[in-house]
């Protein structure tokens, strides 16, 4: 078990730069656990990193690894770790680093929790990043209250599909924008109204107490939809106009009456465990678009870039 398969890339570029290479299996410290990875979600941030759109974050050294979340089983437990056993079925996120798209990952026990027992690991990982982001955005950042009007931009995507579900769980009236072919899917997740973003004018939507924006474009216009006291959470910014997008968020945070809240998700085991409980109770359900094998990682990236996603593209490892 000295080496493992991992998805890597040696230069920035299109999905075809991804390949399956060999890397040493991580050697854990006394305070870490080694997880045998079975499934990994494909997230928008990984596409941006692979394409070289955030070089100040991702750096210039190669090869680079991909993947931020994972679901699998504990293969080894560090000497000082308690409460975790070999064979435990877990899920988690790497935090500020990448590299989960591999056969093994070494992580702190603070970054994992028991995976939902009622789901396959592919189903579980489809909800991991989106559900934790949505709980943080709606409950912690926006303080969404029962009866408030919530707008979700990108309601069928990996985050939006869970923002719809968490919004309904918190008692909001949920309006979701999505592609026309995905409107029934979004209604099935609980949206009170699902509207085609291509044919619906923003000016026709009315006012909202909370907006969750997973798209990132036209945020100044979207912000005008907020009612007095409204809150907007920017899960994404326009990476084709990165500096302008960041400036919009920062200016609103400092000066705006209806401020845009932005955050970088970094969930701990307590939040992961909370999402596990929501899933096991059936309060939220998985949303798997397609499951891809490890050697088709480039195909999964292409599919996510093409848009029109229903939930999450998942990569099965092994």
Protein backbone atom coordinates (compact mmCIF):
# COMPACT_ATOMS: atom_id res chain seq x y z
CA UNK A 1 0.00 0.00 0.00
CA UNK A 2 2.90 2.37 -0.71
CA UNK A 3 1.28 4.07 -3.74
CA UNK A 4 -2.23 4.97 -4.83
CA UNK A 5 -4.15 6.34 -7.80
CA UNK A 6 -4.94 10.05 -7.74
CA UNK A 7 -6.33 12.56 -10.24
CA UNK A 8 -3.66 15.16 -11.05
CA UNK A 9 -2.85 17.91 -13.54
CA UNK A 10 0.54 19.26 -14.62
CA UNK A 11 -0.65 22.56 -16.10
CA UNK A 12 -3.69 24.81 -16.08
CA UNK A 13 -6.15 24.25 -18.87
CA UNK A 14 -9.31 22.47 -20.05
CA UNK A 15 -10.64 19.24 -18.50
CA UNK A 16 -8.29 17.15 -20.66
CA UNK A 17 -5.32 18.20 -18.50
CA UNK A 18 -6.62 15.83 -15.80
CA UNK A 19 -5.09 12.37 -15.61
CA UNK A 20 -4.84 9.46 -13.17
CA UNK A 21 -1.32 9.30 -11.77
CA UNK A 22 0.45 7.58 -8.91
CA UNK A 23 1.22 9.17 -5.57
CA UNK A 24 2.46 7.85 -2.24
CA UNK A 25 -0.26 6.84 0.18
CA UNK A 26 -0.31 9.53 2.90
CA UNK A 27 1.47 8.70 6.14
CA UNK A 28 -0.69 9.89 9.01
CA UNK A 29 0.48 11.75 12.10
CA UNK A 30 -0.66 10.62 15.57
CA UNK A 31 -3.52 13.15 15.34
CA UNK A 32 -4.86 12.09 11.94
CA UNK A 33 -6.92 9.32 10.37
CA UNK A 34 -6.43 7.69 6.98
CA UNK A 35 -9.63 7.34 4.95
CA UNK A 36 -10.09 4.90 2.07
CA UNK A 37 -12.00 7.11 -0.37
CA UNK A 38 -14.98 5.62 -2.20
CA UNK A 39 -16.70 8.68 -3.70
CA UNK A 40 -15.89 12.35 -4.34
CA UNK A 41 -18.08 15.23 -5.52
CA UNK A 42 -17.13 17.58 -8.35
CA UNK A 43 -17.36 21.19 -7.19
CA UNK A 44 -17.22 24.45 -9.10
CA UNK A 45 -14.12 25.68 -7.29
CA UNK A 46 -12.13 22.73 -8.62
CA UNK A 47 -13.02 23.70 -12.20
CA UNK A 48 -11.76 27.21 -11.59
CA UNK A 49 -8.53 25.96 -10.02
CA UNK A 50 -7.89 23.52 -12.89
CA UNK A 51 -8.52 26.25 -15.47
CA UNK A 52 -6.06 28.60 -13.75
CA UNK A 53 -8.64 31.26 -12.89
CA UNK A 54 -7.49 31.59 -9.26
CA UNK A 55 -3.66 31.32 -9.55
CA UNK A 56 -3.06 33.45 -6.45
CA UNK A 57 -4.88 30.76 -4.47
CA UNK A 58 -3.78 27.62 -6.28
CA UNK A 59 -0.17 28.65 -6.95
CA UNK A 60 2.27 27.73 -9.70
CA UNK A 61 3.78 24.45 -8.51
CA UNK A 62 2.77 21.22 -10.26
CA UNK A 63 1.51 18.54 -10.30
CA UNK A 64 -1.66 19.59 -8.53
CA UNK A 65 -4.35 17.39 -7.05
CA UNK A 66 -8.13 17.80 -7.26
CA UNK A 67 -11.09 17.18 -4.97
CA UNK A 68 -12.20 18.74 -1.68
CA UNK A 69 -14.84 16.34 -0.30
CA UNK A 70 -15.01 12.58 0.15
CA UNK A 71 -16.93 9.64 1.55
CA UNK A 72 -15.36 6.31 2.47
CA UNK A 73 -14.13 4.14 5.34
CA UNK A 74 -11.47 4.71 7.98
CA UNK A 75 -8.40 2.64 7.08
CA UNK A 76 -6.05 3.70 9.89
CA UNK A 77 -6.32 5.70 13.11
CA UNK A 78 -3.54 7.83 14.60
CA UNK A 79 -2.25 6.93 18.05
CA UNK A 80 -3.73 10.01 19.77
CA UNK A 81 -7.14 9.93 18.03
CA UNK A 82 -10.18 8.83 20.04
CA UNK A 83 -13.77 8.19 19.04
CA UNK A 84 -12.88 6.86 15.57
CA UNK A 85 -12.31 3.22 14.64
CA UNK A 86 -10.99 1.41 11.60
CA UNK A 87 -13.86 0.50 9.31
CA UNK A 88 -16.05 3.45 10.34
CA UNK A 89 -18.08 4.81 7.44
CA UNK A 90 -17.31 8.53 7.25
CA UNK A 91 -17.58 11.63 5.12
CA UNK A 92 -15.74 14.92 5.25
CA UNK A 93 -13.97 17.83 3.56
CA UNK A 94 -10.30 18.72 3.38
CA UNK A 95 -10.86 22.34 4.38
CA UNK A 96 -8.51 24.77 2.64
CA UNK A 97 -6.61 22.14 0.65
CA UNK A 98 -7.34 19.80 -2.28
CA UNK A 99 -6.51 16.18 -3.04
CA UNK A 100 -9.51 14.05 -2.06
CA UNK A 101 -9.81 12.67 -5.60
CA UNK A 102 -7.50 9.79 -4.69
CA UNK A 103 -7.69 6.34 -3.15
CA UNK A 104 -6.67 7.61 0.31
CA UNK A 105 -6.66 10.90 2.23
CA UNK A 106 -5.14 11.80 5.58
CA UNK A 107 -7.33 14.15 7.61
CA UNK A 108 -7.91 15.50 11.07
CA UNK A 109 -10.82 13.86 12.90
CA UNK A 110 -12.24 17.40 13.19
CA UNK A 111 -12.88 17.24 9.42
CA UNK A 112 -14.97 14.05 9.36
CA UNK A 113 -18.21 12.64 10.77
CA UNK A 114 -20.23 9.46 10.39
CA UNK A 115 -21.77 9.28 6.92
CA UNK A 116 -25.57 8.91 6.73
CA UNK A 117 -26.47 5.25 7.20
CA UNK A 118 -29.48 5.45 4.88
CA UNK A 119 -27.47 6.55 1.83
CA UNK A 120 -24.89 5.02 -0.45
CA UNK A 121 -21.53 6.77 -0.31
CA UNK A 122 -22.14 8.20 -3.80
CA UNK A 123 -25.47 9.64 -2.63
CA UNK A 124 -23.90 10.94 0.56
CA UNK A 125 -21.06 12.81 -1.11
CA UNK A 126 -23.51 14.43 -3.54
CA UNK A 127 -24.99 16.41 -0.66
CA UNK A 128 -21.90 17.12 1.43
CA UNK A 129 -20.54 20.44 0.14
CA UNK A 130 -23.94 21.78 -0.93
CA UNK A 131 -25.76 21.00 2.30
CA UNK A 132 -23.05 22.34 4.61
CA UNK A 133 -22.76 25.50 2.51
CA UNK A 134 -26.54 26.01 2.52
CA UNK A 135 -26.90 25.57 6.28
CA UNK A 136 -24.12 28.10 6.84
CA UNK A 137 -25.49 30.55 4.26
CA UNK A 138 -29.15 30.47 5.25
CA UNK A 139 -29.13 29.85 8.98
CA UNK A 140 -25.83 31.35 10.13
CA UNK A 141 -25.12 34.16 7.64
CA UNK A 142 -28.61 35.27 6.53
CA UNK A 143 -30.62 34.29 9.61
CA UNK A 144 -33.52 33.10 7.43
CA UNK A 145 -36.83 33.15 9.34
CA UNK A 146 -40.10 31.26 8.82
CA UNK A 147 -42.40 33.00 6.35
CA UNK A 148 -39.65 35.02 4.67
CA UNK A 149 -39.25 35.05 0.89
CA UNK A 150 -36.08 33.36 -0.35
CA UNK A 151 -34.66 33.52 -3.87
CA UNK A 152 -32.16 30.84 -4.93
CA UNK A 153 -30.20 31.53 -8.11
CA UNK A 154 -28.98 28.28 -9.64
CA UNK A 155 -31.61 26.19 -7.89
CA UNK A 156 -30.76 22.91 -9.62
CA UNK A 157 -27.00 22.91 -8.99
CA UNK A 158 -24.83 21.30 -6.35
CA UNK A 159 -25.38 24.12 -3.82
CA UNK A 160 -28.69 25.51 -5.07
CA UNK A 161 -30.48 22.17 -4.85
CA UNK A 162 -29.74 22.13 -1.12
CA UNK A 163 -30.41 25.82 -0.59
CA UNK A 164 -33.94 25.06 -1.84
CA UNK A 165 -34.30 22.17 0.62
CA UNK A 166 -32.79 23.96 3.62
CA UNK A 167 -34.86 27.05 2.84
CA UNK A 168 -38.08 25.03 2.97
CA UNK A 169 -36.89 23.27 6.12
CA UNK A 170 -36.45 26.69 7.76
CA UNK A 171 -39.99 27.66 6.77
CA UNK A 172 -39.35 30.10 3.92
CA UNK A 173 -41.34 30.67 0.73
CA UNK A 174 -38.75 29.51 -1.82
CA UNK A 175 -38.46 30.87 -5.35
CA UNK A 176 -35.75 29.20 -7.45
CA UNK A 177 -34.24 30.16 -10.79
CA UNK A 178 -32.96 27.29 -12.93
CA UNK A 179 -32.78 26.06 -16.51
CA UNK A 180 -36.12 25.27 -18.13
CA UNK A 181 -35.53 21.51 -18.33
CA UNK A 182 -34.82 21.34 -14.60
CA UNK A 183 -37.87 23.15 -13.25
CA UNK A 184 -39.78 19.99 -12.30
CA UNK A 185 -36.66 18.69 -10.54
CA UNK A 186 -36.41 21.90 -8.50
CA UNK A 187 -40.12 21.81 -7.62
CA UNK A 188 -39.61 18.23 -6.45
CA UNK A 189 -37.00 19.49 -4.00
CA UNK A 190 -39.65 21.72 -2.42
CA UNK A 191 -39.49 25.03 -4.26
CA UNK A 192 -42.78 26.93 -4.10
CA UNK A 193 -41.96 28.54 -7.45
CA UNK A 194 -39.42 27.38 -10.05
CA UNK A 195 -38.74 29.79 -12.91
CA UNK A 196 -36.61 29.59 -16.06
CA UNK A 197 -33.68 31.97 -15.61
CA UNK A 198 -33.46 32.49 -19.38
CA UNK A 199 -36.99 33.79 -19.81
CA UNK A 200 -37.72 35.40 -16.44
CA UNK A 201 -36.76 39.05 -16.01
CA UNK A 202 -35.22 39.87 -12.65
CA UNK A 203 -37.46 42.91 -12.42
CA UNK A 204 -40.54 40.65 -12.50
CA UNK A 205 -39.59 38.62 -9.45
CA UNK A 206 -40.68 41.00 -6.70
CA UNK A 207 -38.84 41.52 -3.43
CA UNK A 208 -37.06 39.01 -1.23
CA UNK A 209 -35.92 38.90 2.36
CA UNK A 210 -33.00 36.63 1.49
CA UNK A 211 -31.18 35.86 -1.76
CA UNK A 212 -28.69 33.02 -2.16
CA UNK A 213 -26.63 33.54 -5.29
CA UNK A 214 -24.71 30.51 -6.57
CA UNK A 215 -24.20 32.06 -10.03
CA UNK A 216 -22.09 35.14 -9.32
CA UNK A 217 -23.03 37.33 -12.29
CA UNK A 218 -25.00 40.60 -12.15
CA UNK A 219 -24.84 40.74 -8.36
CA UNK A 220 -25.47 44.48 -8.25
CA UNK A 221 -28.76 43.96 -10.12
CA UNK A 222 -29.74 40.94 -8.04
CA UNK A 223 -29.09 42.86 -4.84
CA UNK A 224 -31.80 45.36 -5.85
CA UNK A 225 -34.36 42.59 -5.38
CA UNK A 226 -33.88 42.73 -1.61
CA UNK A 227 -36.69 44.07 0.54
CA UNK A 228 -35.83 46.53 3.34
CA UNK A 229 -33.68 44.61 5.81
CA UNK A 230 -32.97 41.97 3.15
CA UNK A 231 -29.81 39.86 3.16
CA UNK A 232 -27.93 38.45 0.18
CA UNK A 233 -25.40 35.63 0.49
CA UNK A 234 -22.89 35.34 -2.37
CA UNK A 235 -21.77 31.74 -2.64
CA UNK A 236 -19.95 32.60 -5.89
CA UNK A 237 -18.63 35.63 -7.76
CA UNK A 238 -18.21 36.26 -11.47
CA UNK A 239 -14.83 34.68 -12.19
CA UNK A 240 -14.82 36.06 -15.73
CA UNK A 241 -14.82 39.53 -14.11
CA UNK A 242 -13.11 38.51 -10.90
CA UNK A 243 -11.84 41.87 -9.61
CA UNK A 244 -15.11 43.61 -10.39
CA UNK A 245 -17.06 40.84 -8.70
CA UNK A 246 -14.97 40.97 -5.56
CA UNK A 247 -15.23 44.78 -5.53
CA UNK A 248 -19.04 44.55 -5.67
CA UNK A 249 -19.14 42.23 -2.66
CA UNK A 250 -16.63 44.26 -0.66
CA UNK A 251 -18.35 47.57 -1.41
CA UNK A 252 -21.69 46.16 -0.34
CA UNK A 253 -20.24 44.69 2.83
CA UNK A 254 -18.84 48.07 3.87
CA UNK A 255 -21.38 50.56 2.51
CA UNK A 256 -24.55 48.84 1.43
CA UNK A 257 -27.87 49.08 3.25
CA UNK A 258 -28.75 45.61 1.98
CA UNK A 259 -25.40 44.00 2.45
CA UNK A 260 -23.99 41.03 0.58
CA UNK A 261 -22.60 38.39 2.89
CA UNK A 262 -19.78 36.24 1.53
CA UNK A 263 -17.96 33.37 3.18
CA UNK A 264 -15.60 30.51 2.47
CA UNK A 265 -17.06 27.24 3.69
CA UNK A 266 -14.86 25.27 6.07
CA UNK A 267 -17.19 22.94 8.00
CA UNK A 268 -16.12 21.06 11.10
CA UNK A 269 -17.31 17.71 12.42
CA UNK A 270 -20.19 19.33 14.34
CA UNK A 271 -21.72 20.75 11.15
CA UNK A 272 -21.03 17.52 9.25
CA UNK A 273 -22.80 15.56 12.01
CA UNK A 274 -25.75 17.95 11.85
CA UNK A 275 -26.11 17.34 8.11
CA UNK A 276 -25.85 13.59 8.74
CA UNK A 277 -28.83 13.84 11.09
CA UNK A 278 -30.82 15.87 8.53
CA UNK A 279 -30.15 13.23 5.89
CA UNK A 280 -30.99 10.28 8.14
CA UNK A 281 -34.29 11.91 9.12
CA UNK A 282 -35.14 12.49 5.47
CA UNK A 283 -35.23 16.27 5.94
CA UNK A 284 -32.90 16.62 2.96
CA UNK A 285 -32.37 14.16 0.12
CA UNK A 286 -29.39 13.50 -2.16
CA UNK A 287 -29.20 14.91 -5.67
CA UNK A 288 -26.92 12.84 -7.92
CA UNK A 289 -26.72 13.89 -11.54
CA UNK A 290 -24.20 11.30 -12.80
CA UNK A 291 -21.64 8.93 -11.24
CA UNK A 292 -18.34 8.76 -13.16
CA UNK A 293 -15.41 6.34 -12.72
CA UNK A 294 -12.08 7.75 -11.57
CA UNK A 295 -10.51 7.61 -15.03
CA UNK A 296 -13.35 9.76 -16.40
CA UNK A 297 -12.68 12.74 -14.13
CA UNK A 298 -12.18 14.96 -17.19
CA UNK A 299 -15.61 13.91 -18.44
CA UNK A 300 -17.15 14.91 -15.10
CA UNK A 301 -15.49 18.34 -15.29
CA UNK A 302 -16.75 18.83 -18.85
CA UNK A 303 -20.28 17.89 -17.83
CA UNK A 304 -20.31 20.38 -14.94
CA UNK A 305 -18.90 23.14 -17.13
CA UNK A 306 -21.62 22.50 -19.72
CA UNK A 307 -24.29 23.53 -17.17
CA UNK A 308 -27.82 22.27 -16.78
CA UNK A 309 -26.78 20.09 -13.84
CA UNK A 310 -29.31 18.36 -11.61
CA UNK A 311 -27.52 18.19 -8.31
CA UNK A 312 -23.98 16.86 -8.27
CA UNK A 313 -21.60 15.01 -10.52
CA UNK A 314 -19.90 12.32 -8.44
CA UNK A 315 -16.72 10.35 -9.08
CA UNK A 316 -16.52 6.78 -7.82
CA UNK A 317 -13.04 5.85 -6.62
CA UNK A 318 -11.92 2.23 -6.99
